[in-house]
């Protein structure tokens, strides 16, 4: 309590001096900052801030002086590196598999009719839409093919 009240009092005195030198706007900002220590004490936030600060300091000191903590930091770093390397490898595999999948879908497998003894082979059905090989490297050739298939000329 005395420390917070002292900080607030000193801030208010400085804000009065600042009012005379720089004006009301600068003085009001300093008054706002000066009231914060007393507000933190009265609301109980000072205890929470003290606990957070002491916990952070004890964590840092245990980090610096404890070899087991450094081993934990090293394991965390190794984990991050492994995640990153596995992501790069996975991306390469997916990008390598993409052209193979495109080639497989571009050349559909034709079913063969097996002849069984005592049965006749089914009548051959005409292909619905046979695609002719593209000879024109024009940008619009794909669009023209789609329009022709839809019956739009």
N, C-alpha and C. Protein backbone atom coordinates (compact mmCIF):
# COMPACT_ATOMS: atom_id res chain seq x y z
N UNK A 1 0.82 -1.20 0.00
CA UNK A 1 0.00 0.00 0.00
C UNK A 1 0.86 1.26 0.00
N UNK A 2 1.86 1.36 0.89
CA UNK A 2 2.66 2.60 0.89
C UNK A 2 3.41 2.82 -0.43
N UNK A 3 3.88 1.76 -1.03
CA UNK A 3 4.59 1.91 -2.29
C UNK A 3 3.66 2.41 -3.39
N UNK A 4 2.47 1.86 -3.47
CA UNK A 4 1.50 2.29 -4.49
C UNK A 4 1.03 3.73 -4.24
N UNK A 5 0.77 4.06 -2.99
CA UNK A 5 0.34 5.42 -2.67
C UNK A 5 1.46 6.42 -2.97
N UNK A 6 2.71 6.04 -2.67
CA UNK A 6 3.84 6.92 -2.95
C UNK A 6 4.03 7.12 -4.45
N UNK A 7 3.90 6.05 -5.24
CA UNK A 7 4.04 6.18 -6.68
C UNK A 7 2.94 7.07 -7.25
N UNK A 8 1.72 6.92 -6.75
CA UNK A 8 0.61 7.75 -7.22
C UNK A 8 0.84 9.20 -6.83
N UNK A 9 1.29 9.46 -5.60
CA UNK A 9 1.54 10.83 -5.14
C UNK A 9 2.63 11.50 -5.94
N UNK A 10 3.74 10.81 -6.19
CA UNK A 10 4.83 11.38 -6.96
C UNK A 10 4.37 11.68 -8.39
N UNK A 11 3.58 10.77 -8.96
CA UNK A 11 3.06 10.99 -10.31
C UNK A 11 2.15 12.20 -10.38
N UNK A 12 1.33 12.41 -9.34
CA UNK A 12 0.43 13.56 -9.33
C UNK A 12 1.20 14.87 -9.21
N UNK A 13 2.28 14.87 -8.40
CA UNK A 13 3.11 16.07 -8.27
C UNK A 13 3.77 16.40 -9.62
N UNK A 14 4.32 15.38 -10.27
CA UNK A 14 4.93 15.60 -11.58
C UNK A 14 3.91 16.05 -12.61
N UNK A 15 2.69 15.54 -12.50
CA UNK A 15 1.66 15.94 -13.47
C UNK A 15 1.30 17.42 -13.28
N UNK A 16 1.33 17.92 -12.02
CA UNK A 16 1.07 19.34 -11.78
C UNK A 16 2.17 20.19 -12.42
N UNK A 17 3.43 19.75 -12.27
CA UNK A 17 4.54 20.48 -12.88
C UNK A 17 4.46 20.42 -14.41
N UNK A 18 4.01 19.29 -14.91
CA UNK A 18 3.88 19.13 -16.35
C UNK A 18 2.75 19.99 -16.91
N UNK A 19 1.72 20.20 -16.08
CA UNK A 19 0.60 21.05 -16.49
C UNK A 19 1.10 22.47 -16.78
N UNK A 20 2.01 22.95 -15.98
CA UNK A 20 2.51 24.30 -16.15
C UNK A 20 3.47 24.40 -17.34
N UNK A 21 4.21 23.32 -17.66
CA UNK A 21 5.20 23.39 -18.72
C UNK A 21 4.65 23.02 -20.09
N UNK A 22 3.89 21.90 -20.18
CA UNK A 22 3.47 21.40 -21.49
C UNK A 22 1.98 21.51 -21.74
N UNK A 23 1.17 21.76 -20.76
CA UNK A 23 -0.25 21.91 -20.99
C UNK A 23 -1.08 20.80 -20.38
N UNK A 24 -2.39 20.93 -20.56
CA UNK A 24 -3.34 20.04 -19.91
C UNK A 24 -3.32 18.63 -20.48
N UNK A 25 -3.10 18.48 -21.77
CA UNK A 25 -3.16 17.15 -22.39
C UNK A 25 -2.06 16.26 -21.83
N UNK A 26 -0.84 16.76 -21.78
CA UNK A 26 0.27 15.96 -21.26
C UNK A 26 0.08 15.68 -19.77
N UNK A 27 -0.46 16.65 -19.02
CA UNK A 27 -0.68 16.45 -17.59
C UNK A 27 -1.75 15.39 -17.35
N UNK A 28 -2.81 15.40 -18.16
CA UNK A 28 -3.86 14.39 -17.98
C UNK A 28 -3.34 12.99 -18.27
N UNK A 29 -2.47 12.86 -19.25
CA UNK A 29 -1.90 11.54 -19.54
C UNK A 29 -1.05 11.06 -18.37
N UNK A 30 -0.28 11.95 -17.76
CA UNK A 30 0.55 11.55 -16.61
C UNK A 30 -0.32 11.23 -15.39
N UNK A 31 -1.43 11.96 -15.21
CA UNK A 31 -2.35 11.64 -14.10
C UNK A 31 -2.93 10.25 -14.31
N UNK A 32 -3.29 9.93 -15.55
CA UNK A 32 -3.84 8.60 -15.85
C UNK A 32 -2.83 7.51 -15.50
N UNK A 33 -1.57 7.71 -15.88
CA UNK A 33 -0.54 6.73 -15.54
C UNK A 33 -0.29 6.70 -14.04
N UNK A 34 -0.38 7.81 -13.38
CA UNK A 34 -0.11 7.88 -11.94
C UNK A 34 -1.17 7.17 -11.12
N UNK A 35 -2.38 7.13 -11.58
CA UNK A 35 -3.45 6.48 -10.83
C UNK A 35 -3.43 4.95 -10.94
N UNK A 36 -2.72 4.41 -11.90
CA UNK A 36 -2.70 2.97 -12.11
C UNK A 36 -2.12 2.16 -10.94
N UNK A 37 -1.01 2.58 -10.30
CA UNK A 37 -0.51 1.77 -9.17
C UNK A 37 -1.52 1.64 -8.02
N UNK A 38 -2.19 2.73 -7.69
CA UNK A 38 -3.17 2.68 -6.60
C UNK A 38 -4.39 1.85 -7.02
N UNK A 39 -4.79 1.98 -8.26
CA UNK A 39 -5.92 1.18 -8.76
C UNK A 39 -5.56 -0.31 -8.73
N UNK A 40 -4.33 -0.65 -9.07
CA UNK A 40 -3.91 -2.06 -9.05
C UNK A 40 -3.93 -2.60 -7.62
N UNK A 41 -3.52 -1.79 -6.65
CA UNK A 41 -3.56 -2.24 -5.25
C UNK A 41 -4.99 -2.41 -4.76
N UNK A 42 -5.84 -1.45 -5.04
CA UNK A 42 -7.21 -1.49 -4.53
C UNK A 42 -8.04 -2.61 -5.16
N UNK A 43 -7.77 -2.97 -6.39
CA UNK A 43 -8.54 -4.04 -7.04
C UNK A 43 -7.98 -5.43 -6.78
N UNK A 44 -6.81 -5.51 -6.20
CA UNK A 44 -6.19 -6.81 -5.95
C UNK A 44 -5.36 -7.30 -7.13
N UNK A 45 -5.29 -6.51 -8.17
CA UNK A 45 -4.52 -6.91 -9.34
C UNK A 45 -3.03 -6.89 -9.05
N UNK A 46 -2.60 -6.14 -8.05
CA UNK A 46 -1.19 -6.07 -7.72
C UNK A 46 -0.67 -7.44 -7.27
N UNK A 47 -1.48 -8.18 -6.49
CA UNK A 47 -1.08 -9.52 -6.07
C UNK A 47 -0.94 -10.45 -7.27
N UNK A 48 -1.88 -10.34 -8.20
CA UNK A 48 -1.81 -11.18 -9.40
C UNK A 48 -0.58 -10.83 -10.23
N UNK A 49 -0.31 -9.53 -10.39
CA UNK A 49 0.86 -9.12 -11.15
C UNK A 49 2.15 -9.57 -10.48
N UNK A 50 2.18 -9.50 -9.15
CA UNK A 50 3.35 -9.97 -8.39
C UNK A 50 3.56 -11.47 -8.60
N UNK A 51 2.47 -12.24 -8.57
CA UNK A 51 2.58 -13.68 -8.76
C UNK A 51 3.06 -14.00 -10.17
N UNK A 52 2.53 -13.30 -11.16
CA UNK A 52 2.96 -13.53 -12.54
C UNK A 52 4.44 -13.18 -12.70
N UNK A 53 4.84 -12.07 -12.15
CA UNK A 53 6.24 -11.65 -12.24
C UNK A 53 7.19 -12.62 -11.56
N UNK A 54 6.85 -13.06 -10.36
CA UNK A 54 7.73 -13.98 -9.64
C UNK A 54 7.79 -15.33 -10.35
N UNK A 55 6.68 -15.77 -10.92
CA UNK A 55 6.68 -17.03 -11.66
C UNK A 55 7.54 -16.92 -12.91
N UNK A 56 7.46 -15.81 -13.61
CA UNK A 56 8.27 -15.61 -14.81
C UNK A 56 9.76 -15.58 -14.45
N UNK A 57 10.09 -14.90 -13.35
CA UNK A 57 11.50 -14.82 -12.94
C UNK A 57 12.01 -16.20 -12.54
N UNK A 58 11.21 -16.97 -11.80
CA UNK A 58 11.66 -18.31 -11.40
C UNK A 58 11.80 -19.23 -12.61
N UNK A 59 10.93 -19.07 -13.61
CA UNK A 59 11.05 -19.87 -14.83
C UNK A 59 12.35 -19.55 -15.55
N UNK A 60 12.66 -18.26 -15.68
CA UNK A 60 13.87 -17.86 -16.40
C UNK A 60 15.12 -18.32 -15.66
N UNK A 61 15.12 -18.17 -14.34
CA UNK A 61 16.31 -18.60 -13.59
C UNK A 61 16.47 -20.12 -13.63
N UNK A 62 15.37 -20.85 -13.60
CA UNK A 62 15.49 -22.31 -13.70
C UNK A 62 15.89 -22.71 -15.12
N UNK A 63 15.52 -21.93 -16.09
CA UNK A 63 15.90 -22.20 -17.47
C UNK A 63 17.40 -21.99 -17.65
N UNK A 64 17.93 -20.96 -17.07
CA UNK A 64 19.33 -20.63 -17.27
C UNK A 64 20.25 -21.57 -16.48
N UNK A 65 19.87 -21.93 -15.28
CA UNK A 65 20.78 -22.66 -14.40
C UNK A 65 20.51 -24.16 -14.30
N UNK A 66 19.50 -24.69 -14.95
CA UNK A 66 19.16 -26.10 -14.79
C UNK A 66 19.44 -26.86 -16.08
N UNK A 67 20.34 -27.86 -16.05
CA UNK A 67 20.65 -28.61 -17.27
C UNK A 67 19.47 -29.45 -17.76
N UNK A 68 18.62 -29.92 -16.85
CA UNK A 68 17.45 -30.68 -17.28
C UNK A 68 16.49 -29.80 -18.09
N UNK A 69 16.39 -28.55 -17.73
CA UNK A 69 15.55 -27.63 -18.49
C UNK A 69 16.12 -27.42 -19.88
N UNK A 70 17.44 -27.33 -19.98
CA UNK A 70 18.06 -27.18 -21.30
C UNK A 70 17.83 -28.43 -22.15
N UNK A 71 17.82 -29.59 -21.52
CA UNK A 71 17.51 -30.82 -22.26
C UNK A 71 16.08 -30.76 -22.79
N UNK A 72 15.15 -30.23 -22.01
CA UNK A 72 13.77 -30.08 -22.46
C UNK A 72 13.67 -29.10 -23.62
N UNK A 73 14.43 -28.01 -23.55
CA UNK A 73 14.44 -27.04 -24.64
C UNK A 73 15.00 -27.68 -25.90
N UNK A 74 16.05 -28.49 -25.76
CA UNK A 74 16.62 -29.16 -26.92
C UNK A 74 15.63 -30.14 -27.53
N UNK A 75 14.90 -30.87 -26.71
CA UNK A 75 13.90 -31.80 -27.23
C UNK A 75 12.76 -31.05 -27.93
N UNK A 76 12.36 -29.91 -27.40
CA UNK A 76 11.33 -29.11 -28.05
C UNK A 76 11.83 -28.60 -29.41
N UNK A 77 13.07 -28.18 -29.48
CA UNK A 77 13.65 -27.74 -30.75
C UNK A 77 13.74 -28.88 -31.75
N UNK A 78 14.14 -30.07 -31.30
CA UNK A 78 14.19 -31.24 -32.17
C UNK A 78 12.80 -31.58 -32.70
N UNK A 79 11.81 -31.46 -31.85
CA UNK A 79 10.43 -31.73 -32.26
C UNK A 79 10.00 -30.76 -33.36
N UNK A 80 10.32 -29.49 -33.20
CA UNK A 80 9.96 -28.49 -34.22
C UNK A 80 10.66 -28.80 -35.54
N UNK A 81 11.94 -29.17 -35.48
CA UNK A 81 12.69 -29.49 -36.70
C UNK A 81 12.08 -30.71 -37.39
N UNK A 82 11.72 -31.73 -36.61
CA UNK A 82 11.12 -32.93 -37.20
C UNK A 82 9.78 -32.62 -37.86
N UNK A 83 8.96 -31.79 -37.22
CA UNK A 83 7.70 -31.39 -37.84
C UNK A 83 7.94 -30.69 -39.17
N UNK A 84 8.90 -29.79 -39.20
CA UNK A 84 9.17 -29.04 -40.42
C UNK A 84 9.70 -29.95 -41.54
N UNK A 85 10.63 -30.84 -41.21
CA UNK A 85 11.21 -31.74 -42.22
C UNK A 85 10.14 -32.69 -42.75
N UNK A 86 9.31 -33.22 -41.86
CA UNK A 86 8.26 -34.14 -42.33
C UNK A 86 7.26 -33.41 -43.22
N UNK A 87 6.98 -32.14 -42.95
CA UNK A 87 6.09 -31.37 -43.81
C UNK A 87 6.69 -31.16 -45.19
N UNK A 88 7.98 -30.89 -45.26
CA UNK A 88 8.65 -30.70 -46.55
C UNK A 88 8.64 -32.00 -47.35
N UNK A 89 8.95 -33.12 -46.67
CA UNK A 89 8.97 -34.41 -47.36
C UNK A 89 7.56 -34.77 -47.85
N UNK A 90 6.56 -34.53 -47.03
CA UNK A 90 5.18 -34.83 -47.42
C UNK A 90 4.76 -34.00 -48.62
N UNK A 91 5.13 -32.73 -48.62
CA UNK A 91 4.78 -31.86 -49.74
C UNK A 91 5.46 -32.34 -51.03
N UNK A 92 6.70 -32.80 -50.93
CA UNK A 92 7.39 -33.30 -52.11
C UNK A 92 6.74 -34.57 -52.64
N UNK A 93 6.33 -35.45 -51.73
CA UNK A 93 5.68 -36.69 -52.16
C UNK A 93 4.34 -36.39 -52.82
N UNK A 94 3.59 -35.46 -52.26
CA UNK A 94 2.30 -35.11 -52.85
C UNK A 94 2.48 -34.47 -54.22
N UNK A 95 3.49 -33.62 -54.36
CA UNK A 95 3.71 -32.98 -55.65
C UNK A 95 4.24 -33.98 -56.67
N UNK A 96 4.98 -35.00 -56.23
CA UNK A 96 5.47 -36.02 -57.15
C UNK A 96 4.35 -36.97 -57.54
N UNK A 97 3.40 -37.21 -56.65
CA UNK A 97 2.30 -38.12 -56.93
C UNK A 97 1.23 -37.46 -57.80
N UNK A 98 1.16 -36.16 -57.82
CA UNK A 98 0.13 -35.46 -58.59
C UNK A 98 0.26 -35.70 -60.10
N UNK A 99 1.44 -35.63 -60.73
CA UNK A 99 1.52 -35.91 -62.17
C UNK A 99 1.17 -37.37 -62.49
N UNK A 100 1.56 -38.31 -61.63
CA UNK A 100 1.23 -39.71 -61.86
C UNK A 100 -0.27 -39.93 -61.81
N UNK A 101 -0.95 -39.24 -60.89
CA UNK A 101 -2.40 -39.37 -60.79
C UNK A 101 -3.07 -38.74 -62.00
N UNK A 102 -2.51 -37.66 -62.52
CA UNK A 102 -3.08 -37.02 -63.70
C UNK A 102 -2.91 -37.91 -64.93
N UNK A 103 -1.76 -38.58 -65.04
CA UNK A 103 -1.55 -39.48 -66.16
C UNK A 103 -2.50 -40.67 -66.09
N UNK A 104 -2.73 -41.19 -64.90
CA UNK A 104 -3.62 -42.33 -64.74
C UNK A 104 -5.06 -41.95 -65.08
N UNK A 105 -5.47 -40.75 -64.73
CA UNK A 105 -6.84 -40.33 -65.04
C UNK A 105 -6.98 -39.93 -66.51
N UNK A 106 -5.90 -39.54 -67.16
CA UNK A 106 -5.97 -39.15 -68.55
C UNK A 106 -6.12 -40.36 -69.47
N UNK A 107 -5.58 -41.50 -69.09
CA UNK A 107 -5.68 -42.71 -69.90
C UNK A 107 -6.55 -43.72 -69.16
N UNK A 108 -7.89 -43.68 -69.36
CA UNK A 108 -8.75 -44.62 -68.65
C UNK A 108 -8.56 -46.04 -69.17
N UNK A 109 -8.65 -46.98 -68.27
CA UNK A 109 -8.49 -48.38 -68.63
C UNK A 109 -9.74 -48.87 -69.35
N UNK A 110 -9.53 -49.60 -70.42
CA UNK A 110 -10.65 -50.14 -71.18
C UNK A 110 -10.95 -51.54 -70.67
N UNK A 111 -12.20 -51.79 -70.35
CA UNK A 111 -12.52 -53.13 -69.87
C UNK A 111 -12.48 -54.12 -71.03
N UNK A 112 -11.97 -55.28 -70.77
CA UNK A 112 -11.92 -56.32 -71.80
C UNK A 112 -12.99 -57.34 -71.51
N UNK A 113 -13.62 -57.80 -72.55
CA UNK A 113 -14.68 -58.79 -72.41
C UNK A 113 -14.05 -60.17 -72.47
N UNK A 114 -14.18 -60.89 -71.41
CA UNK A 114 -13.63 -62.24 -71.37
C UNK A 114 -14.65 -63.20 -71.94
N UNK A 115 -14.18 -64.13 -72.74
CA UNK A 115 -15.07 -65.12 -73.32
C UNK A 115 -15.14 -66.31 -72.38
N UNK A 116 -16.35 -66.65 -72.00
CA UNK A 116 -16.54 -67.82 -71.16
C UNK A 116 -17.09 -68.94 -72.05
N UNK A 117 -16.76 -70.13 -71.76
CA UNK A 117 -17.26 -71.22 -72.59
C UNK A 117 -18.77 -71.31 -72.50
N UNK A 118 -19.43 -71.48 -73.64
CA UNK A 118 -20.86 -71.63 -73.69
C UNK A 118 -21.61 -70.32 -73.76
N UNK A 119 -20.94 -69.23 -73.74
CA UNK A 119 -21.59 -67.92 -73.82
C UNK A 119 -21.04 -67.16 -75.01
N UNK A 120 -21.87 -66.32 -75.52
CA UNK A 120 -21.40 -65.48 -76.61
C UNK A 120 -20.97 -64.13 -76.04
N UNK A 121 -20.09 -63.52 -76.72
CA UNK A 121 -19.60 -62.22 -76.27
C UNK A 121 -20.69 -61.19 -76.46
N UNK A 122 -20.83 -60.27 -75.54
CA UNK A 122 -21.84 -59.23 -75.69
C UNK A 122 -21.51 -58.34 -76.88
N UNK A 123 -22.56 -57.76 -77.43
CA UNK A 123 -22.38 -56.89 -78.59
C UNK A 123 -21.58 -55.66 -78.19
N UNK A 124 -20.70 -55.26 -79.06
CA UNK A 124 -19.86 -54.10 -78.77
C UNK A 124 -20.71 -52.83 -78.80
N UNK A 125 -20.56 -52.02 -77.80
CA UNK A 125 -21.30 -50.76 -77.74
C UNK A 125 -20.43 -49.65 -78.30
N UNK A 126 -21.01 -48.74 -79.06
CA UNK A 126 -20.19 -47.65 -79.59
C UNK A 126 -19.79 -46.70 -78.45
N UNK A 127 -18.65 -46.14 -78.60
CA UNK A 127 -18.17 -45.19 -77.59
C UNK A 127 -19.01 -43.93 -77.66
N UNK A 128 -19.40 -43.42 -76.52
CA UNK A 128 -20.27 -42.24 -76.46
C UNK A 128 -19.52 -41.01 -76.93
N UNK A 129 -18.40 -40.77 -76.34
CA UNK A 129 -17.65 -39.58 -76.72
C UNK A 129 -16.18 -39.93 -76.77
N UNK A 130 -15.70 -40.18 -77.97
CA UNK A 130 -14.28 -40.46 -78.13
C UNK A 130 -13.56 -39.14 -78.35
N UNK A 131 -12.50 -38.99 -77.62
CA UNK A 131 -11.77 -37.74 -77.75
C UNK A 131 -10.66 -37.92 -78.78
N UNK A 132 -10.58 -36.98 -79.67
CA UNK A 132 -9.52 -37.03 -80.67
C UNK A 132 -8.29 -36.34 -80.09
N UNK A 133 -7.13 -36.75 -80.53
CA UNK A 133 -5.92 -36.13 -79.99
C UNK A 133 -5.86 -34.66 -80.39
N UNK A 134 -5.37 -33.88 -79.47
CA UNK A 134 -5.30 -32.43 -79.70
C UNK A 134 -4.07 -32.11 -80.53
N UNK A 135 -4.29 -31.43 -81.62
CA UNK A 135 -3.18 -31.02 -82.47
C UNK A 135 -2.95 -29.52 -82.37
N UNK A 136 -3.94 -28.81 -81.87
CA UNK A 136 -3.85 -27.37 -81.78
C UNK A 136 -3.47 -26.98 -80.36
N UNK A 137 -2.41 -26.26 -80.19
CA UNK A 137 -2.00 -25.82 -78.86
C UNK A 137 -2.61 -24.49 -78.49
N UNK A 138 -3.69 -24.16 -79.13
CA UNK A 138 -4.37 -22.91 -78.88
C UNK A 138 -4.97 -22.90 -77.48
N UNK A 139 -5.05 -21.76 -76.86
CA UNK A 139 -5.63 -21.65 -75.53
C UNK A 139 -7.11 -21.99 -75.51
N UNK A 140 -7.78 -21.77 -76.64
CA UNK A 140 -9.22 -21.97 -76.68
C UNK A 140 -9.62 -23.36 -77.15
N UNK A 141 -8.65 -24.24 -77.43
CA UNK A 141 -9.00 -25.57 -77.94
C UNK A 141 -9.76 -26.38 -76.90
N UNK A 142 -9.39 -26.26 -75.65
CA UNK A 142 -10.11 -26.98 -74.60
C UNK A 142 -11.55 -26.49 -74.50
N UNK A 143 -11.73 -25.20 -74.59
CA UNK A 143 -13.07 -24.62 -74.50
C UNK A 143 -13.90 -25.05 -75.70
N UNK A 144 -13.30 -25.07 -76.88
CA UNK A 144 -14.01 -25.50 -78.07
C UNK A 144 -14.45 -26.95 -77.97
N UNK A 145 -13.58 -27.80 -77.42
CA UNK A 145 -13.94 -29.21 -77.24
C UNK A 145 -15.12 -29.37 -76.29
N UNK A 146 -15.12 -28.62 -75.21
CA UNK A 146 -16.23 -28.69 -74.26
C UNK A 146 -17.52 -28.23 -74.90
N UNK A 147 -17.47 -27.15 -75.67
CA UNK A 147 -18.66 -26.64 -76.33
C UNK A 147 -19.20 -27.64 -77.37
N UNK A 148 -18.29 -28.30 -78.10
CA UNK A 148 -18.72 -29.29 -79.08
C UNK A 148 -19.39 -30.49 -78.41
N UNK A 149 -18.86 -30.92 -77.27
CA UNK A 149 -19.48 -32.03 -76.55
C UNK A 149 -20.86 -31.69 -76.04
N UNK A 150 -21.07 -30.43 -75.71
CA UNK A 150 -22.38 -29.98 -75.21
C UNK A 150 -23.35 -29.66 -76.35
N UNK A 151 -22.87 -29.72 -77.57
CA UNK A 151 -23.75 -29.45 -78.70
C UNK A 151 -23.88 -27.97 -79.01
N UNK A 152 -22.93 -27.20 -78.53
CA UNK A 152 -22.96 -25.76 -78.78
C UNK A 152 -21.85 -25.47 -79.79
N UNK A 153 -22.23 -24.83 -80.88
CA UNK A 153 -21.20 -24.55 -81.87
C UNK A 153 -20.95 -23.07 -82.03
